[in-house]
Amino acid sequence: MENQTLNLEEAAKFLGFVNKDGKPSTNRLREKAYKGIIPAYKPGRNWVFYLPDLVQWMRDQYNARREAAQVGIGGKQWQSLKRKVDVTCTQNSRSLESKLIELRKQIRNEKLRNSKTS
């Protein structure tokens, strides 16, 4: 059976967290793992990343970005919204995708209300 866990450096390489010199940016990944933005486990002194969880996290990022694009959110709006959702998700232990779907529904309802009043 293949090992499905990665250490901090391997996970940084897998996720593309690299410095300008091409070395893995373990500090950025460690910070995101500590905040709960990226799924990770710390059974002792070292961080452990479960590969299927990282793959699912990457898919969730793609799906959330696609959902935002469908309602016309992009660029600076997307970055601002994502930061708000990251904080909310970390605090409430909710997934980024489910929170963005909820926000998308709110935006869609607001657009519908605005179009009816125009």
C-alpha atoms as a PDB file:
ATOM      1  CA  MET A   1       0.000   0.000   0.000  1.00  0.00           C
ATOM      2  CA  GLU A   2       1.311   3.421  -0.960  1.00  0.00           C
ATOM      3  CA  ASN A   3       2.028   5.999   1.760  1.00  0.00           C
ATOM      4  CA  GLN A   4      -0.699   8.646   1.629  1.00  0.00           C
ATOM      5  CA  THR A   5       0.803  11.020   4.185  1.00  0.00           C
ATOM      6  CA  LEU A   6       3.174  13.891   3.473  1.00  0.00           C
ATOM      7  CA  ASN A   7       5.458  15.838   5.744  1.00  0.00           C
ATOM      8  CA  LEU A   8       5.527  19.649   5.709  1.00  0.00           C
ATOM      9  CA  GLU A   9       8.116  19.961   2.939  1.00  0.00           C
ATOM     10  CA  GLU A  10       6.485  17.338   0.708  1.00  0.00           C
ATOM     11  CA  ALA A  11       3.063  18.957   1.144  1.00  0.00           C
ATOM     12  CA  ALA A  12       4.505  22.391   0.301  1.00  0.00           C
ATOM     13  CA  LYS A  13       5.953  20.990  -2.932  1.00  0.00           C
ATOM     14  CA  PHE A  14       2.710  19.182  -3.771  1.00  0.00           C
ATOM     15  CA  LEU A  15       0.594  22.317  -3.258  1.00  0.00           C
ATOM     16  CA  GLY A  16       3.040  24.571  -5.076  1.00  0.00           C
ATOM     17  CA  PHE A  17       4.058  26.635  -2.045  1.00  0.00           C
ATOM     18  CA  VAL A  18       7.513  27.683  -3.195  1.00  0.00           C
ATOM     19  CA  ASN A  19       9.753  30.677  -2.524  1.00  0.00           C
ATOM     20  CA  LYS A  20      11.303  32.792  -5.261  1.00  0.00           C
ATOM     21  CA  ASP A  21      14.369  30.563  -5.122  1.00  0.00           C
ATOM     22  CA  GLY A  22      12.250  27.482  -5.866  1.00  0.00           C
ATOM     23  CA  LYS A  23      12.503  25.927  -2.390  1.00  0.00           C
ATOM     24  CA  PRO A  24       9.339  24.819  -0.563  1.00  0.00           C
ATOM     25  CA  SER A  25       7.764  27.599   1.517  1.00  0.00           C
ATOM     26  CA  THR A  26       7.107  25.613   4.657  1.00  0.00           C
ATOM     27  CA  ASN A  27       6.429  28.721   6.754  1.00  0.00           C
ATOM     28  CA  ARG A  28       3.429  29.747   4.618  1.00  0.00           C
ATOM     29  CA  LEU A  29       2.046  26.214   4.660  1.00  0.00           C
ATOM     30  CA  ARG A  30       2.618  25.843   8.411  1.00  0.00           C
ATOM     31  CA  GLU A  31       0.718  29.105   9.016  1.00  0.00           C
ATOM     32  CA  LYS A  32      -2.243  28.013   6.873  1.00  0.00           C
ATOM     33  CA  ALA A  33      -2.310  24.595   8.547  1.00  0.00           C
ATOM     34  CA  TYR A  34      -2.181  26.196  11.994  1.00  0.00           C
ATOM     35  CA  LYS A  35      -5.102  28.495  11.106  1.00  0.00           C
ATOM     36  CA  GLY A  36      -7.089  25.514   9.809  1.00  0.00           C
ATOM     37  CA  ILE A  37      -7.241  26.808   6.241  1.00  0.00           C
ATOM     38  CA  ILE A  38      -5.441  23.737   4.888  1.00  0.00           C
ATOM     39  CA  PRO A  39      -6.281  20.318   6.379  1.00  0.00           C
ATOM     40  CA  ALA A  40      -3.411  18.958   8.460  1.00  0.00           C
ATOM     41  CA  TYR A  41      -2.739  17.020  11.635  1.00  0.00           C
ATOM     42  CA  LYS A  42      -0.116  17.559  14.289  1.00  0.00           C
ATOM     43  CA  PRO A  43       0.060  14.390  16.377  1.00  0.00           C
ATOM     44  CA  GLY A  44       3.323  15.492  17.997  1.00  0.00           C
ATOM     45  CA  ARG A  45       5.953  17.984  16.972  1.00  0.00           C
ATOM     46  CA  ASN A  46       5.575  17.598  13.208  1.00  0.00           C
ATOM     47  CA  TRP A  47       2.755  18.390  10.826  1.00  0.00           C
ATOM     48  CA  VAL A  48       1.267  15.516   8.835  1.00  0.00           C
ATOM     49  CA  PHE A  49      -0.796  16.027   5.683  1.00  0.00           C
ATOM     50  CA  TYR A  50      -3.118  13.322   4.369  1.00  0.00           C
ATOM     51  CA  LEU A  51      -2.894  13.310   0.573  1.00  0.00           C
ATOM     52  CA  PRO A  52      -6.622  12.660  -0.134  1.00  0.00           C
ATOM     53  CA  ASP A  53      -7.499  15.607   2.160  1.00  0.00           C
ATOM     54  CA  LEU A  54      -5.125  17.889   0.232  1.00  0.00           C
ATOM     55  CA  VAL A  55      -6.570  16.773  -3.097  1.00  0.00           C
ATOM     56  CA  GLN A  56     -10.105  17.441  -1.809  1.00  0.00           C
ATOM     57  CA  TRP A  57      -9.033  20.856  -0.483  1.00  0.00           C
ATOM     58  CA  MET A  58      -7.640  21.721  -3.926  1.00  0.00           C
ATOM     59  CA  ARG A  59     -10.905  20.613  -5.563  1.00  0.00           C
ATOM     60  CA  ASP A  60     -12.877  22.729  -3.105  1.00  0.00           C
ATOM     61  CA  GLN A  61     -10.744  25.752  -4.023  1.00  0.00           C
ATOM     62  CA  TYR A  62     -11.473  25.180  -7.712  1.00  0.00           C
ATOM     63  CA  ASN A  63     -15.201  24.667  -7.107  1.00  0.00           C
ATOM     64  CA  ALA A  64     -15.456  27.763  -4.917  1.00  0.00           C
ATOM     65  CA  ARG A  65     -13.694  29.906  -7.530  1.00  0.00           C
ATOM     66  CA  ARG A  66     -15.987  28.515 -10.258  1.00  0.00           C
ATOM     67  CA  GLU A  67     -19.073  29.227  -8.134  1.00  0.00           C
ATOM     68  CA  ALA A  68     -17.920  32.811  -7.610  1.00  0.00           C
ATOM     69  CA  ALA A  69     -17.334  33.264 -11.335  1.00  0.00           C
ATOM     70  CA  GLN A  70     -20.859  32.065 -12.093  1.00  0.00           C
ATOM     71  CA  VAL A  71     -22.323  34.960 -10.128  1.00  0.00           C
ATOM     72  CA  GLY A  72     -19.890  37.482 -11.580  1.00  0.00           C
ATOM     73  CA  ILE A  73     -17.395  37.746  -8.740  1.00  0.00           C
ATOM     74  CA  GLY A  74     -13.792  38.008  -9.813  1.00  0.00           C
ATOM     75  CA  GLY A  75     -10.499  39.768  -9.281  1.00  0.00           C
ATOM     76  CA  LYS A  76     -10.354  41.926  -6.168  1.00  0.00           C
ATOM     77  CA  GLN A  77     -13.923  41.045  -5.182  1.00  0.00           C
ATOM     78  CA  TRP A  78     -13.018  37.340  -5.185  1.00  0.00           C
ATOM     79  CA  GLN A  79      -9.879  37.864  -3.077  1.00  0.00           C
ATOM     80  CA  SER A  80     -11.793  39.993  -0.556  1.00  0.00           C
ATOM     81  CA  LEU A  81     -14.630  37.463  -0.354  1.00  0.00           C
ATOM     82  CA  LYS A  82     -12.210  34.549  -0.027  1.00  0.00           C
ATOM     83  CA  ARG A  83     -10.369  36.229   2.874  1.00  0.00           C
ATOM     84  CA  LYS A  84     -13.666  36.795   4.702  1.00  0.00           C
ATOM     85  CA  VAL A  85     -14.732  33.203   4.107  1.00  0.00           C
ATOM     86  CA  ASP A  86     -11.337  31.794   5.181  1.00  0.00           C
ATOM     87  CA  VAL A  87     -11.664  33.574   8.521  1.00  0.00           C
ATOM     88  CA  THR A  88     -15.281  32.510   8.949  1.00  0.00           C
ATOM     89  CA  CYS A  89     -14.534  28.900   7.990  1.00  0.00           C
ATOM     90  CA  THR A  90     -11.611  28.700  10.395  1.00  0.00           C
ATOM     91  CA  GLN A  91     -13.683  30.078  13.247  1.00  0.00           C
ATOM     92  CA  ASN A  92     -16.750  27.952  12.579  1.00  0.00           C
ATOM     93  CA  SER A  93     -15.025  24.834  11.158  1.00  0.00           C
ATOM     94  CA  ARG A  94     -17.194  25.048   8.034  1.00  0.00           C
ATOM     95  CA  SER A  95     -15.876  24.221   4.609  1.00  0.00           C
ATOM     96  CA  LEU A  96     -14.963  27.033   2.251  1.00  0.00           C
ATOM     97  CA  GLU A  97     -17.130  25.632  -0.482  1.00  0.00           C
ATOM     98  CA  SER A  98     -20.314  25.429   1.586  1.00  0.00           C
ATOM     99  CA  LYS A  99     -19.842  28.977   2.891  1.00  0.00           C
ATOM    100  CA  LEU A 100     -19.279  30.330  -0.623  1.00  0.00           C
ATOM    101  CA  ILE A 101     -22.364  28.525  -1.903  1.00  0.00           C
ATOM    102  CA  GLU A 102     -24.359  30.171   0.885  1.00  0.00           C
ATOM    103  CA  LEU A 103     -22.912  33.588  -0.019  1.00  0.00           C
ATOM    104  CA  ARG A 104     -23.612  32.967  -3.705  1.00  0.00           C
ATOM    105  CA  LYS A 105     -27.279  32.347  -2.902  1.00  0.00           C
ATOM    106  CA  GLN A 106     -27.402  35.598  -0.941  1.00  0.00           C
ATOM    107  CA  ILE A 107     -25.834  37.503  -3.851  1.00  0.00           C
ATOM    108  CA  ARG A 108     -28.213  35.892  -6.359  1.00  0.00           C
ATOM    109  CA  ASN A 109     -31.231  36.771  -4.176  1.00  0.00           C
ATOM    110  CA  GLU A 110     -29.970  40.345  -3.858  1.00  0.00           C
ATOM    111  CA  LYS A 111     -29.555  40.606  -7.651  1.00  0.00           C
ATOM    112  CA  LEU A 112     -33.093  39.298  -8.134  1.00  0.00           C
ATOM    113  CA  ARG A 113     -34.475  41.857  -5.680  1.00  0.00           C
ATOM    114  CA  ASN A 114     -32.540  44.646  -7.401  1.00  0.00           C
ATOM    115  CA  SER A 115     -33.760  43.608 -10.860  1.00  0.00           C
ATOM    116  CA  LYS A 116     -37.404  43.611  -9.683  1.00  0.00           C
ATOM    117  CA  THR A 117     -37.089  47.131  -8.276  1.00  0.00           C
ATOM    118  CA  SER A 118     -35.484  48.486 -11.480  1.00  0.00           C
END
